[in-house]
Structures are given as structure tokens and as C-alpha cells.
N, C-alpha and C. Protein backbone atom coordinates (compact mmCIF):
# COMPACT_ATOMS: atom_id res chain seq x y z
N MET A 1 0.84 -1.19 0.00
CA MET A 1 0.00 0.00 0.00
C MET A 1 0.88 1.25 0.00
N HIS A 2 0.38 2.28 -0.67
CA HIS A 2 1.15 3.51 -0.82
C HIS A 2 0.44 4.67 -0.14
N SER A 3 1.24 5.59 0.38
CA SER A 3 0.71 6.82 0.97
C SER A 3 0.39 7.82 -0.14
N VAL A 4 -0.20 8.93 0.24
CA VAL A 4 -0.47 10.00 -0.73
C VAL A 4 0.84 10.46 -1.36
N LYS A 5 1.85 10.65 -0.53
CA LYS A 5 3.14 11.11 -1.03
C LYS A 5 3.72 10.13 -2.04
N GLU A 6 3.68 8.85 -1.71
CA GLU A 6 4.20 7.83 -2.63
C GLU A 6 3.38 7.75 -3.91
N ALA A 7 2.06 7.83 -3.78
CA ALA A 7 1.19 7.81 -4.96
C ALA A 7 1.50 8.98 -5.87
N ALA A 8 1.77 10.13 -5.28
CA ALA A 8 2.12 11.31 -6.07
C ALA A 8 3.44 11.08 -6.80
N GLN A 9 4.41 10.53 -6.12
CA GLN A 9 5.71 10.27 -6.74
C GLN A 9 5.59 9.26 -7.87
N ILE A 10 4.81 8.23 -7.67
CA ILE A 10 4.65 7.17 -8.67
C ILE A 10 3.96 7.70 -9.93
N THR A 11 2.94 8.54 -9.73
CA THR A 11 2.11 9.00 -10.85
C THR A 11 2.57 10.31 -11.48
N GLY A 12 3.44 11.03 -10.80
CA GLY A 12 3.86 12.33 -11.31
C GLY A 12 2.87 13.44 -10.99
N LEU A 13 1.91 13.15 -10.15
CA LEU A 13 0.95 14.15 -9.71
C LEU A 13 1.46 14.83 -8.45
N THR A 14 0.88 15.95 -8.11
CA THR A 14 1.20 16.56 -6.82
C THR A 14 0.38 15.85 -5.74
N GLU A 15 0.83 15.97 -4.51
CA GLU A 15 0.07 15.39 -3.41
C GLU A 15 -1.32 16.03 -3.34
N HIS A 16 -1.36 17.33 -3.60
CA HIS A 16 -2.65 18.03 -3.61
C HIS A 16 -3.59 17.42 -4.66
N ALA A 17 -3.06 17.16 -5.85
CA ALA A 17 -3.89 16.58 -6.92
C ALA A 17 -4.38 15.20 -6.53
N VAL A 18 -3.52 14.40 -5.92
CA VAL A 18 -3.93 13.06 -5.49
C VAL A 18 -5.08 13.16 -4.50
N ARG A 19 -4.96 14.05 -3.53
CA ARG A 19 -6.04 14.23 -2.55
C ARG A 19 -7.32 14.74 -3.23
N PHE A 20 -7.14 15.71 -4.11
CA PHE A 20 -8.28 16.31 -4.81
C PHE A 20 -9.02 15.24 -5.62
N TYR A 21 -8.29 14.46 -6.39
CA TYR A 21 -8.93 13.43 -7.22
C TYR A 21 -9.63 12.37 -6.37
N THR A 22 -9.03 12.00 -5.25
CA THR A 22 -9.70 11.01 -4.39
C THR A 22 -10.94 11.62 -3.76
N ASP A 23 -10.87 12.88 -3.35
CA ASP A 23 -12.04 13.54 -2.76
C ASP A 23 -13.18 13.68 -3.77
N LYS A 24 -12.84 13.81 -5.05
CA LYS A 24 -13.86 13.94 -6.10
C LYS A 24 -14.42 12.58 -6.53
N GLY A 25 -13.91 11.50 -5.93
CA GLY A 25 -14.42 10.17 -6.25
C GLY A 25 -13.85 9.60 -7.53
N LEU A 26 -12.68 10.08 -7.94
CA LEU A 26 -12.08 9.63 -9.19
C LEU A 26 -11.14 8.44 -9.01
N VAL A 27 -10.98 8.01 -7.78
CA VAL A 27 -10.14 6.84 -7.48
C VAL A 27 -11.00 5.87 -6.66
N PRO A 28 -11.84 5.11 -7.34
CA PRO A 28 -12.82 4.30 -6.61
C PRO A 28 -12.22 3.23 -5.70
N SER A 29 -11.00 2.80 -5.97
CA SER A 29 -10.42 1.73 -5.16
C SER A 29 -9.55 2.23 -4.01
N VAL A 30 -9.49 3.55 -3.81
CA VAL A 30 -8.68 4.07 -2.70
C VAL A 30 -9.26 3.55 -1.39
N GLN A 31 -8.38 3.24 -0.48
CA GLN A 31 -8.80 2.74 0.82
C GLN A 31 -8.37 3.72 1.90
N ARG A 32 -8.92 3.56 3.08
CA ARG A 32 -8.51 4.39 4.21
C ARG A 32 -8.26 3.48 5.41
N ASN A 33 -7.26 3.88 6.18
CA ASN A 33 -6.96 3.08 7.37
C ASN A 33 -7.81 3.55 8.55
N GLN A 34 -7.53 3.01 9.73
CA GLN A 34 -8.34 3.33 10.91
C GLN A 34 -8.24 4.81 11.29
N ASN A 35 -7.20 5.49 10.83
CA ASN A 35 -7.05 6.92 11.10
C ASN A 35 -7.56 7.78 9.93
N ASN A 36 -8.27 7.16 9.00
CA ASN A 36 -8.86 7.82 7.84
C ASN A 36 -7.80 8.35 6.86
N ILE A 37 -6.62 7.76 6.88
CA ILE A 37 -5.55 8.14 5.96
C ILE A 37 -5.70 7.32 4.69
N ARG A 38 -5.58 8.01 3.55
CA ARG A 38 -5.73 7.34 2.25
C ARG A 38 -4.58 6.35 2.02
N LEU A 39 -4.95 5.19 1.48
CA LEU A 39 -3.97 4.17 1.11
C LEU A 39 -4.26 3.73 -0.32
N PHE A 40 -3.20 3.63 -1.11
CA PHE A 40 -3.33 3.34 -2.53
C PHE A 40 -2.68 2.00 -2.87
N ASP A 41 -3.48 1.11 -3.43
CA ASP A 41 -2.93 -0.15 -3.95
C ASP A 41 -2.62 0.05 -5.43
N GLU A 42 -2.20 -0.99 -6.11
CA GLU A 42 -1.84 -0.85 -7.53
C GLU A 42 -3.03 -0.42 -8.38
N GLU A 43 -4.22 -0.91 -8.06
CA GLU A 43 -5.39 -0.49 -8.82
C GLU A 43 -5.65 1.00 -8.64
N SER A 44 -5.49 1.49 -7.43
CA SER A 44 -5.67 2.92 -7.17
C SER A 44 -4.65 3.75 -7.95
N ILE A 45 -3.43 3.25 -8.01
CA ILE A 45 -2.38 3.93 -8.78
C ILE A 45 -2.78 3.97 -10.25
N ASN A 46 -3.34 2.86 -10.75
CA ASN A 46 -3.79 2.83 -12.15
C ASN A 46 -4.90 3.84 -12.39
N TRP A 47 -5.84 3.97 -11.45
CA TRP A 47 -6.89 4.98 -11.60
C TRP A 47 -6.29 6.38 -11.65
N LEU A 48 -5.31 6.63 -10.80
CA LEU A 48 -4.66 7.94 -10.81
C LEU A 48 -3.96 8.21 -12.15
N HIS A 49 -3.29 7.19 -12.68
CA HIS A 49 -2.67 7.35 -14.00
C HIS A 49 -3.73 7.67 -15.05
N GLY A 50 -4.87 6.95 -14.98
CA GLY A 50 -5.95 7.19 -15.94
C GLY A 50 -6.52 8.59 -15.83
N VAL A 51 -6.73 9.04 -14.61
CA VAL A 51 -7.25 10.39 -14.39
C VAL A 51 -6.26 11.42 -14.91
N ARG A 52 -4.99 11.21 -14.63
CA ARG A 52 -3.95 12.14 -15.11
C ARG A 52 -3.97 12.22 -16.64
N CYS A 53 -4.09 11.09 -17.27
CA CYS A 53 -4.13 11.04 -18.74
C CYS A 53 -5.32 11.83 -19.27
N LEU A 54 -6.49 11.60 -18.71
CA LEU A 54 -7.69 12.31 -19.17
C LEU A 54 -7.60 13.80 -18.86
N LYS A 55 -7.07 14.14 -17.70
CA LYS A 55 -6.94 15.55 -17.32
C LYS A 55 -5.96 16.26 -18.25
N GLN A 56 -4.88 15.56 -18.64
CA GLN A 56 -3.91 16.16 -19.56
C GLN A 56 -4.52 16.41 -20.93
N SER A 57 -5.58 15.69 -21.26
CA SER A 57 -6.25 15.92 -22.54
C SER A 57 -7.20 17.12 -22.46
N GLY A 58 -7.31 17.70 -21.25
CA GLY A 58 -8.19 18.84 -21.07
C GLY A 58 -9.60 18.46 -20.65
N MET A 59 -9.82 17.20 -20.34
CA MET A 59 -11.15 16.76 -19.95
C MET A 59 -11.52 17.33 -18.58
N PRO A 60 -12.72 17.90 -18.46
CA PRO A 60 -13.17 18.43 -17.17
C PRO A 60 -13.39 17.30 -16.15
N ILE A 61 -13.23 17.63 -14.89
CA ILE A 61 -13.40 16.66 -13.80
C ILE A 61 -14.77 15.98 -13.87
N GLU A 62 -15.82 16.76 -14.17
CA GLU A 62 -17.17 16.19 -14.20
C GLU A 62 -17.28 15.09 -15.26
N VAL A 63 -16.63 15.29 -16.38
CA VAL A 63 -16.67 14.31 -17.47
C VAL A 63 -15.80 13.10 -17.11
N ILE A 64 -14.66 13.35 -16.46
CA ILE A 64 -13.83 12.24 -16.00
C ILE A 64 -14.62 11.37 -15.03
N LYS A 65 -15.40 12.00 -14.18
CA LYS A 65 -16.23 11.25 -13.21
C LYS A 65 -17.22 10.34 -13.95
N ILE A 66 -17.84 10.85 -14.99
CA ILE A 66 -18.77 10.04 -15.79
C ILE A 66 -18.01 8.89 -16.43
N TYR A 67 -16.85 9.18 -16.99
CA TYR A 67 -16.02 8.16 -17.63
C TYR A 67 -15.69 7.04 -16.63
N ILE A 68 -15.31 7.41 -15.43
CA ILE A 68 -14.95 6.42 -14.41
C ILE A 68 -16.16 5.59 -14.02
N GLU A 69 -17.30 6.23 -13.87
CA GLU A 69 -18.52 5.49 -13.55
C GLU A 69 -18.84 4.47 -14.65
N LEU A 70 -18.64 4.87 -15.90
CA LEU A 70 -18.86 3.94 -17.01
C LEU A 70 -17.85 2.79 -16.96
N CYS A 71 -16.60 3.10 -16.67
CA CYS A 71 -15.58 2.05 -16.56
C CYS A 71 -15.96 1.03 -15.49
N LEU A 72 -16.47 1.53 -14.39
CA LEU A 72 -16.86 0.63 -13.29
C LEU A 72 -18.00 -0.30 -13.68
N GLU A 73 -18.82 0.13 -14.64
CA GLU A 73 -19.91 -0.72 -15.11
C GLU A 73 -19.42 -1.83 -16.02
N GLY A 74 -18.23 -1.68 -16.57
CA GLY A 74 -17.64 -2.76 -17.36
C GLY A 74 -17.67 -2.52 -18.86
N ASP A 75 -17.35 -3.61 -19.58
CA ASP A 75 -17.20 -3.55 -21.03
C ASP A 75 -18.49 -3.19 -21.77
N SER A 76 -19.62 -3.37 -21.14
CA SER A 76 -20.87 -3.03 -21.81
C SER A 76 -20.98 -1.54 -22.08
N THR A 77 -20.14 -0.75 -21.42
CA THR A 77 -20.18 0.71 -21.61
C THR A 77 -19.13 1.20 -22.60
N LEU A 78 -18.46 0.30 -23.29
CA LEU A 78 -17.46 0.72 -24.28
C LEU A 78 -18.02 1.71 -25.30
N PRO A 79 -19.23 1.48 -25.85
CA PRO A 79 -19.76 2.46 -26.81
C PRO A 79 -19.95 3.85 -26.19
N GLN A 80 -20.44 3.92 -24.95
CA GLN A 80 -20.63 5.21 -24.30
C GLN A 80 -19.28 5.89 -24.02
N ARG A 81 -18.30 5.11 -23.59
CA ARG A 81 -16.98 5.68 -23.33
C ARG A 81 -16.35 6.19 -24.62
N SER A 82 -16.52 5.42 -25.68
CA SER A 82 -15.98 5.84 -26.97
C SER A 82 -16.64 7.14 -27.42
N GLU A 83 -17.93 7.24 -27.27
CA GLU A 83 -18.67 8.46 -27.63
C GLU A 83 -18.20 9.64 -26.78
N LEU A 84 -17.99 9.41 -25.50
CA LEU A 84 -17.53 10.46 -24.62
C LEU A 84 -16.16 10.97 -25.07
N ILE A 85 -15.26 10.06 -25.42
CA ILE A 85 -13.93 10.45 -25.88
C ILE A 85 -14.02 11.19 -27.21
N MET A 86 -14.87 10.72 -28.12
CA MET A 86 -15.02 11.39 -29.41
C MET A 86 -15.55 12.81 -29.24
N LYS A 87 -16.54 12.98 -28.35
CA LYS A 87 -17.08 14.32 -28.10
C LYS A 87 -16.01 15.23 -27.51
N HIS A 88 -15.22 14.67 -26.63
CA HIS A 88 -14.14 15.47 -26.03
C HIS A 88 -13.12 15.87 -27.10
N LYS A 89 -12.82 14.95 -28.00
CA LYS A 89 -11.90 15.26 -29.09
C LYS A 89 -12.46 16.37 -29.97
N GLU A 90 -13.74 16.31 -30.29
CA GLU A 90 -14.38 17.35 -31.11
C GLU A 90 -14.29 18.71 -30.41
N ALA A 91 -14.54 18.72 -29.11
CA ALA A 91 -14.45 19.97 -28.35
C ALA A 91 -13.02 20.50 -28.36
N ALA A 92 -12.05 19.60 -28.25
CA ALA A 92 -10.65 20.01 -28.27
C ALA A 92 -10.27 20.58 -29.63
N LEU A 93 -10.80 20.00 -30.70
CA LEU A 93 -10.52 20.51 -32.04
C LEU A 93 -11.11 21.91 -32.23
N ILE A 94 -12.28 22.15 -31.67
CA ILE A 94 -12.88 23.48 -31.72
C ILE A 94 -12.00 24.48 -30.98
N LYS A 95 -11.51 24.09 -29.80
CA LYS A 95 -10.61 24.96 -29.04
C LYS A 95 -9.31 25.21 -29.80
N LEU A 96 -8.83 24.19 -30.50
CA LEU A 96 -7.61 24.34 -31.29
C LEU A 96 -7.81 25.37 -32.39
N GLU A 97 -8.94 25.31 -33.08
CA GLU A 97 -9.22 26.28 -34.14
C GLU A 97 -9.32 27.69 -33.56
N GLU A 98 -9.94 27.79 -32.39
CA GLU A 98 -10.03 29.09 -31.73
C GLU A 98 -8.63 29.60 -31.37
N ALA A 99 -7.79 28.71 -30.87
CA ALA A 99 -6.42 29.10 -30.54
C ALA A 99 -5.66 29.54 -31.79
N LYS A 100 -5.91 28.87 -32.91
CA LYS A 100 -5.26 29.27 -34.17
C LYS A 100 -5.68 30.69 -34.57
N ARG A 101 -6.97 31.00 -34.36
CA ARG A 101 -7.46 32.36 -34.67
C ARG A 101 -6.79 33.38 -33.75
N HIS A 102 -6.62 33.00 -32.48
CA HIS A 102 -5.96 33.90 -31.54
C HIS A 102 -4.52 34.16 -31.97
N ILE A 103 -3.83 33.10 -32.37
CA ILE A 103 -2.44 33.24 -32.81
C ILE A 103 -2.36 34.13 -34.06
N ALA A 104 -3.27 33.92 -35.01
CA ALA A 104 -3.27 34.75 -36.22
C ALA A 104 -3.48 36.22 -35.86
N HIS A 105 -4.39 36.49 -34.94
CA HIS A 105 -4.63 37.86 -34.50
C HIS A 105 -3.39 38.43 -33.83
N LEU A 106 -2.75 37.63 -32.98
CA LEU A 106 -1.54 38.10 -32.30
C LEU A 106 -0.39 38.30 -33.27
N GLU A 107 -0.33 37.51 -34.32
CA GLU A 107 0.70 37.72 -35.34
C GLU A 107 0.48 39.07 -36.04
N GLN A 108 -0.78 39.41 -36.31
CA GLN A 108 -1.08 40.71 -36.90
C GLN A 108 -0.69 41.84 -35.94
N LYS A 109 -1.01 41.65 -34.67
CA LYS A 109 -0.66 42.68 -33.68
C LYS A 109 0.85 42.82 -33.56
N THR A 110 1.55 41.70 -33.56
CA THR A 110 3.02 41.74 -33.48
C THR A 110 3.59 42.50 -34.67
N ALA A 111 3.08 42.21 -35.86
CA ALA A 111 3.55 42.92 -37.07
C ALA A 111 3.23 44.40 -36.97
N LEU A 112 2.07 44.73 -36.44
CA LEU A 112 1.69 46.13 -36.28
C LEU A 112 2.67 46.85 -35.34
N TYR A 113 2.97 46.22 -34.22
CA TYR A 113 3.92 46.82 -33.28
C TYR A 113 5.30 46.97 -33.92
N GLN A 114 5.74 45.98 -34.67
CA GLN A 114 7.03 46.07 -35.35
C GLN A 114 7.05 47.25 -36.33
N ASP A 115 5.94 47.41 -37.06
CA ASP A 115 5.84 48.53 -38.00
C ASP A 115 5.91 49.86 -37.27
N ILE A 116 5.23 49.95 -36.14
CA ILE A 116 5.24 51.19 -35.35
C ILE A 116 6.66 51.45 -34.84
N LEU A 117 7.29 50.42 -34.28
CA LEU A 117 8.61 50.59 -33.69
C LEU A 117 9.70 50.84 -34.73
N GLU A 118 9.64 50.14 -35.85
CA GLU A 118 10.72 50.23 -36.84
C GLU A 118 10.55 51.37 -37.84
N HIS A 119 9.29 51.72 -38.14
CA HIS A 119 9.07 52.70 -39.20
C HIS A 119 8.34 53.96 -38.74
N GLY A 120 8.07 54.05 -37.46
CA GLY A 120 7.40 55.24 -36.95
C GLY A 120 5.96 55.39 -37.43
N ALA A 121 5.33 54.28 -37.74
CA ALA A 121 3.92 54.33 -38.15
C ALA A 121 3.08 54.84 -37.00
N PRO A 122 1.90 55.43 -37.29
CA PRO A 122 1.04 55.93 -36.21
C PRO A 122 0.68 54.79 -35.24
N ASP A 123 0.63 55.14 -33.95
CA ASP A 123 0.31 54.15 -32.92
C ASP A 123 -1.19 53.90 -32.90
N THR A 124 -1.62 52.90 -33.61
CA THR A 124 -3.03 52.55 -33.67
C THR A 124 -3.42 51.56 -32.57
N THR A 125 -2.47 51.22 -31.70
CA THR A 125 -2.73 50.24 -30.65
C THR A 125 -3.26 50.88 -29.37
N ASN A 126 -3.07 52.18 -29.22
CA ASN A 126 -3.42 52.88 -27.99
C ASN A 126 -4.78 53.56 -28.15
N PRO A 127 -5.77 53.18 -27.34
CA PRO A 127 -7.09 53.81 -27.45
C PRO A 127 -7.07 55.33 -27.26
N ARG A 128 -6.06 55.86 -26.59
CA ARG A 128 -5.97 57.33 -26.44
C ARG A 128 -5.79 58.01 -27.79
N ASN A 129 -5.22 57.30 -28.75
CA ASN A 129 -4.95 57.89 -30.07
C ASN A 129 -6.07 57.66 -31.08
N TRP A 130 -7.05 56.91 -30.73
CA TRP A 130 -8.04 56.50 -31.72
C TRP A 130 -8.86 57.66 -32.27
N ALA A 131 -9.12 58.65 -31.47
CA ALA A 131 -9.89 59.79 -31.97
C ALA A 131 -9.16 60.46 -33.12
N GLU A 132 -7.83 60.45 -33.08
CA GLU A 132 -7.02 61.07 -34.12
C GLU A 132 -6.90 60.22 -35.38
N ILE A 133 -7.15 58.92 -35.26
CA ILE A 133 -6.91 58.03 -36.40
C ILE A 133 -8.18 57.32 -36.88
N GLN A 134 -9.35 57.80 -36.46
CA GLN A 134 -10.60 57.15 -36.86
C GLN A 134 -10.70 57.03 -38.37
N HIS A 135 -10.26 58.04 -39.07
CA HIS A 135 -10.36 58.04 -40.54
C HIS A 135 -9.58 56.86 -41.14
N MET A 136 -8.60 56.35 -40.43
CA MET A 136 -7.78 55.24 -40.95
C MET A 136 -8.49 53.89 -40.79
N HIS A 137 -9.32 53.78 -39.76
CA HIS A 137 -9.93 52.48 -39.45
C HIS A 137 -11.38 52.64 -39.01
N ALA A 138 -12.14 53.43 -39.72
CA ALA A 138 -13.52 53.68 -39.33
C ALA A 138 -14.34 52.40 -39.25
N ASP A 139 -14.03 51.43 -40.11
CA ASP A 139 -14.80 50.19 -40.10
C ASP A 139 -14.56 49.37 -38.83
N VAL A 140 -13.44 49.58 -38.18
CA VAL A 140 -13.11 48.84 -36.97
C VAL A 140 -13.69 49.52 -35.73
N PHE A 141 -13.62 50.85 -35.69
CA PHE A 141 -13.98 51.57 -34.48
C PHE A 141 -15.47 51.78 -34.28
N TYR A 142 -16.22 51.84 -35.37
CA TYR A 142 -17.64 52.15 -35.23
C TYR A 142 -18.47 51.21 -36.07
N SER A 143 -19.59 50.79 -35.49
CA SER A 143 -20.50 49.94 -36.25
C SER A 143 -21.20 50.79 -37.31
N PRO A 144 -21.73 50.18 -38.37
CA PRO A 144 -22.40 50.95 -39.43
C PRO A 144 -23.53 51.83 -38.89
N ALA A 145 -24.28 51.36 -37.90
CA ALA A 145 -25.39 52.14 -37.35
C ALA A 145 -24.88 53.42 -36.70
N VAL A 146 -23.75 53.37 -36.03
CA VAL A 146 -23.20 54.54 -35.37
C VAL A 146 -22.65 55.52 -36.39
N ARG A 147 -22.01 55.00 -37.46
CA ARG A 147 -21.42 55.87 -38.47
C ARG A 147 -22.50 56.69 -39.20
N LYS A 148 -23.69 56.13 -39.38
CA LYS A 148 -24.76 56.83 -40.09
C LYS A 148 -25.32 57.96 -39.27
N ALA A 149 -25.23 57.86 -37.96
CA ALA A 149 -25.83 58.87 -37.07
C ALA A 149 -25.09 60.18 -37.10
């Protein structure tokens, strides 16, 4: 049997994470001794490895809990677990596309700053200057309804 500290060392998790995951019910085989101290057998260590793997994929704790409950029900839940993983993958791909859009925007901003710094272009990044440069970017600063007014 392993202590929290040992379980953390074995799994690469922090002691806090080990306690947190057990408190959330993500380690169904964890045991406690007469002093209510957590004890981890090899199965508990495997659950911790599994939780770590799912958490590293960005899966929320609530979904990991559902996944574990399905695992405990056995092989009959393979289709549900597969569906859960596929949905999580789809959500991750959506986040990836969003991150790509963020990077593209930041690349434009970086280029803009370089142009300002290297060529003395007007500082369009500072809202204090926007009143002076509205004519340059009217489509960005004001919606069509405001421009007509």
C-alpha cells in the first residue's frame, strides 16, 4: 500500500492533486486506514494514471467522473466511453481552431507593433490615439449604425 506522497511520486501528480482526485471520487479503489488516511494499492495507482491522462487531454473533472462510472460498469459501456472520448476530441478541435485564430490575430498585432517601432507608423494600438486616427480604421472603431448617425 502507498501513501499520498508515494502515490504522487509514482504517478507524477502533486500530493494536492492526489487528494483532490480522491475527494472527487475519481479513485474508486482508494482505501482508508483506521485513522482515515488514504492508502493506494496498484489499482488505485492505475486509476490515478488514468485520471492524469484524461486531465492532460483537457477533460473536465465532471466528465472524468462520468467516464470512471462507465468504466466501473464494465465492457458493456465501451460504446458510451468511446462516444464520450469522441465528443471530447471534437471539443478540443474546436478549441484548437479558436487558438489558431488567436495566434493569427496576435501575429497581426506583433507585425503592427514592429511597423510602429521600426518605421514610426502611427500608434493605432493605444485607445488614447483612436480619436485622431478614426479616418484610418472607421470600419473597426464604429458599427455601421453609429457611423450613419
